[in-house]
Amino acid sequence: MEDLCLKNILRLLQSAEQIKARLSGDVASVHGISVNEVFLLLHLEQAPLHRLSRVELAKRMHVTASTITRMATPMEKIGLVTRQADARDARLAFVVLTDSGLEKVKEARATFSKQATYVFRDRWTEAELDQLSGLLHRLVADSPGDLT
């Protein structure tokens, strides 16, 4: 079983990298942002009031808070997100999705959807996709910020 678990982990990682590479070209050329930036926007889109602290966003994206700062700064300059200080605690800052960012994430979601169809359409039946979705959900069920 150990070898089978390793084989599946390696296949999942390889699949994820392959899909990410496929998405990267379209997302960058069509939307002018990276796949990771789209993920940041997706997390903000689903958050209450479209805002999360840097620490919470870092947890959801499995990166450090300083990585979130490095990602958010250029996105702030182009108007996709803004920074908002907490009224009660000046040390706490939120990353907030702007209207422009909300529009960008909706456009990027459409691109993701189109590419997802290309990835799966010739290889999987609807029933297989449903089963795969359930199995993958079990892997991420305890992670904060489910993007589905």
C-alpha atoms as a PDB file:
ATOM      1  CA  MET A   1       0.000   0.000   0.000  1.00  0.00           C
ATOM      2  CA  GLU A   2       2.900   2.370   0.771  1.00  0.00           C
ATOM      3  CA  ASP A   3       4.113   2.191  -2.835  1.00  0.00           C
ATOM      4  CA  LEU A   4       0.597   2.799  -4.122  1.00  0.00           C
ATOM      5  CA  CYS A   5       0.234   5.866  -1.863  1.00  0.00           C
ATOM      6  CA  LEU A   6       3.560   7.237  -3.116  1.00  0.00           C
ATOM      7  CA  LYS A   7       2.580   6.549  -6.726  1.00  0.00           C
ATOM      8  CA  ASN A   8      -0.693   8.425  -6.257  1.00  0.00           C
ATOM      9  CA  ILE A   9       0.954  11.398  -4.533  1.00  0.00           C
ATOM     10  CA  LEU A  10       3.481  11.679  -7.335  1.00  0.00           C
ATOM     11  CA  ARG A  11       0.732  11.432  -9.965  1.00  0.00           C
ATOM     12  CA  LEU A  12      -1.331  14.091  -8.196  1.00  0.00           C
ATOM     13  CA  LEU A  13       1.647  16.444  -7.995  1.00  0.00           C
ATOM     14  CA  GLN A  14       2.592  15.816 -11.621  1.00  0.00           C
ATOM     15  CA  SER A  15      -1.022  16.325 -12.721  1.00  0.00           C
ATOM     16  CA  ALA A  16      -1.299  19.543 -10.735  1.00  0.00           C
ATOM     17  CA  GLU A  17       1.893  20.927 -12.278  1.00  0.00           C
ATOM     18  CA  GLN A  18       0.775  19.950 -15.770  1.00  0.00           C
ATOM     19  CA  ILE A  19      -2.633  21.588 -15.333  1.00  0.00           C
ATOM     20  CA  LYS A  20      -1.097  24.692 -13.750  1.00  0.00           C
ATOM     21  CA  ALA A  21       1.312  25.042 -16.682  1.00  0.00           C
ATOM     22  CA  ARG A  22      -1.581  24.728 -19.120  1.00  0.00           C
ATOM     23  CA  LEU A  23      -3.584  27.390 -17.273  1.00  0.00           C
ATOM     24  CA  SER A  24      -0.637  29.756 -16.862  1.00  0.00           C
ATOM     25  CA  GLY A  25      -0.363  30.637 -20.536  1.00  0.00           C
ATOM     26  CA  ASP A  26      -4.022  31.519 -20.984  1.00  0.00           C
ATOM     27  CA  VAL A  27      -4.359  33.308 -17.667  1.00  0.00           C
ATOM     28  CA  ALA A  28      -1.260  35.440 -18.198  1.00  0.00           C
ATOM     29  CA  SER A  29      -1.987  36.327 -21.822  1.00  0.00           C
ATOM     30  CA  VAL A  30      -5.728  36.910 -21.448  1.00  0.00           C
ATOM     31  CA  HIS A  31      -5.937  38.346 -17.923  1.00  0.00           C
ATOM     32  CA  GLY A  32      -2.431  39.683 -17.237  1.00  0.00           C
ATOM     33  CA  ILE A  33      -2.052  37.906 -13.896  1.00  0.00           C
ATOM     34  CA  SER A  34      -0.618  34.595 -12.706  1.00  0.00           C
ATOM     35  CA  VAL A  35      -2.472  31.453 -11.662  1.00  0.00           C
ATOM     36  CA  ASN A  36      -1.380  32.079  -8.052  1.00  0.00           C
ATOM     37  CA  GLU A  37      -2.828  35.592  -8.218  1.00  0.00           C
ATOM     38  CA  VAL A  38      -6.103  34.124  -9.474  1.00  0.00           C
ATOM     39  CA  PHE A  39      -6.098  31.781  -6.460  1.00  0.00           C
ATOM     40  CA  LEU A  40      -5.621  34.761  -4.158  1.00  0.00           C
ATOM     41  CA  LEU A  41      -8.559  36.533  -5.819  1.00  0.00           C
ATOM     42  CA  LEU A  42     -10.702  33.368  -5.602  1.00  0.00           C
ATOM     43  CA  HIS A  43     -10.080  33.131  -1.851  1.00  0.00           C
ATOM     44  CA  LEU A  44     -11.047  36.777  -1.399  1.00  0.00           C
ATOM     45  CA  GLU A  45     -14.136  36.350  -3.580  1.00  0.00           C
ATOM     46  CA  GLN A  46     -15.452  33.632  -1.266  1.00  0.00           C
ATOM     47  CA  ALA A  47     -14.548  35.375   1.999  1.00  0.00           C
ATOM     48  CA  PRO A  48     -17.086  37.371   4.016  1.00  0.00           C
ATOM     49  CA  LEU A  49     -16.987  41.002   2.856  1.00  0.00           C
ATOM     50  CA  HIS A  50     -14.442  39.880   0.212  1.00  0.00           C
ATOM     51  CA  ARG A  51     -11.604  40.383   2.691  1.00  0.00           C
ATOM     52  CA  LEU A  52      -9.130  38.292   4.651  1.00  0.00           C
ATOM     53  CA  SER A  53      -6.198  39.067   6.876  1.00  0.00           C
ATOM     54  CA  ARG A  54      -2.799  38.359   5.368  1.00  0.00           C
ATOM     55  CA  VAL A  55      -2.326  35.559   7.906  1.00  0.00           C
ATOM     56  CA  GLU A  56      -5.639  33.888   7.057  1.00  0.00           C
ATOM     57  CA  LEU A  57      -4.999  34.257   3.342  1.00  0.00           C
ATOM     58  CA  ALA A  58      -1.557  32.707   3.832  1.00  0.00           C
ATOM     59  CA  LYS A  59      -3.115  29.720   5.643  1.00  0.00           C
ATOM     60  CA  ARG A  60      -5.614  29.192   2.860  1.00  0.00           C
ATOM     61  CA  MET A  61      -2.942  29.397   0.164  1.00  0.00           C
ATOM     62  CA  HIS A  62      -0.347  27.394   2.127  1.00  0.00           C
ATOM     63  CA  VAL A  63       2.275  30.152   1.935  1.00  0.00           C
ATOM     64  CA  THR A  64       3.742  32.671   4.367  1.00  0.00           C
ATOM     65  CA  ALA A  65       2.214  36.033   5.230  1.00  0.00           C
ATOM     66  CA  SER A  66       5.213  37.744   3.638  1.00  0.00           C
ATOM     67  CA  THR A  67       4.486  35.862   0.397  1.00  0.00           C
ATOM     68  CA  ILE A  68       0.949  37.273   0.516  1.00  0.00           C
ATOM     69  CA  THR A  69       2.378  40.765   0.955  1.00  0.00           C
ATOM     70  CA  ARG A  70       4.687  40.261  -2.052  1.00  0.00           C
ATOM     71  CA  MET A  71       1.767  38.969  -4.129  1.00  0.00           C
ATOM     72  CA  ALA A  72      -0.742  41.611  -3.049  1.00  0.00           C
ATOM     73  CA  THR A  73       1.477  44.682  -3.522  1.00  0.00           C
ATOM     74  CA  PRO A  74       1.532  44.617  -7.360  1.00  0.00           C
ATOM     75  CA  MET A  75      -2.142  43.598  -7.394  1.00  0.00           C
ATOM     76  CA  GLU A  76      -2.892  46.639  -5.259  1.00  0.00           C
ATOM     77  CA  LYS A  77      -1.036  48.876  -7.729  1.00  0.00           C
ATOM     78  CA  ILE A  78      -3.261  47.712 -10.594  1.00  0.00           C
ATOM     79  CA  GLY A  79      -6.424  48.021  -8.526  1.00  0.00           C
ATOM     80  CA  LEU A  80      -7.405  44.367  -8.028  1.00  0.00           C
ATOM     81  CA  VAL A  81      -7.079  44.474  -4.237  1.00  0.00           C
ATOM     82  CA  THR A  82      -6.728  47.111  -1.579  1.00  0.00           C
ATOM     83  CA  ARG A  83      -5.405  47.147   1.946  1.00  0.00           C
ATOM     84  CA  GLN A  84      -7.659  47.893   4.893  1.00  0.00           C
ATOM     85  CA  ALA A  85      -6.524  48.427   8.472  1.00  0.00           C
ATOM     86  CA  ASP A  86      -8.540  46.947  11.317  1.00  0.00           C
ATOM     87  CA  ALA A  87     -10.380  49.677  13.225  1.00  0.00           C
ATOM     88  CA  ARG A  88      -9.582  48.050  16.588  1.00  0.00           C
ATOM     89  CA  ASP A  89      -6.064  46.751  15.975  1.00  0.00           C
ATOM     90  CA  ALA A  90      -3.689  48.801  13.821  1.00  0.00           C
ATOM     91  CA  ARG A  91      -1.317  45.821  13.530  1.00  0.00           C
ATOM     92  CA  LEU A  92      -3.956  43.833  11.668  1.00  0.00           C
ATOM     93  CA  ALA A  93      -4.393  44.542   7.969  1.00  0.00           C
ATOM     94  CA  PHE A  94      -6.841  42.980   5.549  1.00  0.00           C
ATOM     95  CA  VAL A  95      -6.462  42.300   1.852  1.00  0.00           C
ATOM     96  CA  VAL A  96      -9.743  43.334   0.236  1.00  0.00           C
ATOM     97  CA  LEU A  97     -11.058  42.470  -3.215  1.00  0.00           C
ATOM     98  CA  THR A  98     -12.001  45.564  -5.238  1.00  0.00           C
ATOM     99  CA  ASP A  99     -14.789  45.742  -7.826  1.00  0.00           C
ATOM    100  CA  SER A 100     -12.117  45.523 -10.511  1.00  0.00           C
ATOM    101  CA  GLY A 101     -10.658  42.456  -8.791  1.00  0.00           C
ATOM    102  CA  LEU A 102     -14.100  40.870  -8.594  1.00  0.00           C
ATOM    103  CA  GLU A 103     -14.573  41.372 -12.319  1.00  0.00           C
ATOM    104  CA  LYS A 104     -11.085  39.966 -13.023  1.00  0.00           C
ATOM    105  CA  VAL A 105     -11.735  36.835 -10.937  1.00  0.00           C
ATOM    106  CA  LYS A 106     -15.029  36.209 -12.745  1.00  0.00           C
ATOM    107  CA  GLU A 107     -13.242  36.462 -16.097  1.00  0.00           C
ATOM    108  CA  ALA A 108     -10.414  34.189 -14.924  1.00  0.00           C
ATOM    109  CA  ARG A 109     -12.925  31.646 -13.578  1.00  0.00           C
ATOM    110  CA  ALA A 110     -14.399  31.418 -17.099  1.00  0.00           C
ATOM    111  CA  THR A 111     -10.916  30.740 -18.497  1.00  0.00           C
ATOM    112  CA  PHE A 112     -10.301  28.076 -15.834  1.00  0.00           C
ATOM    113  CA  SER A 113     -13.653  26.480 -16.678  1.00  0.00           C
ATOM    114  CA  LYS A 114     -12.868  26.359 -20.388  1.00  0.00           C
ATOM    115  CA  GLN A 115      -9.447  24.811 -19.757  1.00  0.00           C
ATOM    116  CA  ALA A 116     -10.920  22.317 -17.272  1.00  0.00           C
ATOM    117  CA  THR A 117     -13.263  21.118 -19.990  1.00  0.00           C
ATOM    118  CA  TYR A 118     -10.306  20.607 -22.348  1.00  0.00           C
ATOM    119  CA  VAL A 119      -8.368  18.669 -19.688  1.00  0.00           C
ATOM    120  CA  PHE A 120     -11.161  16.220 -18.936  1.00  0.00           C
ATOM    121  CA  ARG A 121     -13.523  16.003 -21.919  1.00  0.00           C
ATOM    122  CA  ASP A 122     -11.793  13.281 -23.938  1.00  0.00           C
ATOM    123  CA  ARG A 123     -10.693  11.122 -21.017  1.00  0.00           C
ATOM    124  CA  TRP A 124     -13.487  11.053 -18.448  1.00  0.00           C
ATOM    125  CA  THR A 125     -17.187  10.287 -18.327  1.00  0.00           C
ATOM    126  CA  GLU A 126     -19.539  12.429 -16.256  1.00  0.00           C
ATOM    127  CA  ALA A 127     -19.767   9.635 -13.655  1.00  0.00           C
ATOM    128  CA  GLU A 128     -15.960   9.378 -13.460  1.00  0.00           C
ATOM    129  CA  LEU A 129     -15.664  13.140 -13.007  1.00  0.00           C
ATOM    130  CA  ASP A 130     -18.232  13.030 -10.227  1.00  0.00           C
ATOM    131  CA  GLN A 131     -16.347  10.208  -8.511  1.00  0.00           C
ATOM    132  CA  LEU A 132     -13.012  12.023  -8.911  1.00  0.00           C
ATOM    133  CA  SER A 133     -14.525  15.178  -7.447  1.00  0.00           C
ATOM    134  CA  GLY A 134     -15.672  13.276  -4.373  1.00  0.00           C
ATOM    135  CA  LEU A 135     -12.313  11.594  -3.900  1.00  0.00           C
ATOM    136  CA  LEU A 136     -10.360  14.832  -4.271  1.00  0.00           C
ATOM    137  CA  HIS A 137     -12.742  16.576  -1.884  1.00  0.00           C
ATOM    138  CA  ARG A 138     -11.768  14.050   0.790  1.00  0.00           C
ATOM    139  CA  LEU A 139      -8.144  15.169   0.400  1.00  0.00           C
ATOM    140  CA  VAL A 140      -8.934  18.839   0.984  1.00  0.00           C
ATOM    141  CA  ALA A 141     -11.996  18.583   3.215  1.00  0.00           C
ATOM    142  CA  ASP A 142     -10.174  19.785   6.323  1.00  0.00           C
ATOM    143  CA  SER A 143      -8.346  22.634   4.564  1.00  0.00           C
ATOM    144  CA  PRO A 144      -9.517  26.195   5.162  1.00  0.00           C
ATOM    145  CA  GLY A 145     -11.003  28.035   2.226  1.00  0.00           C
ATOM    146  CA  ASP A 146     -12.479  25.403  -0.092  1.00  0.00           C
ATOM    147  CA  LEU A 147     -12.621  27.053  -3.531  1.00  0.00           C
ATOM    148  CA  THR A 148     -15.404  24.886  -4.959  1.00  0.00           C
END
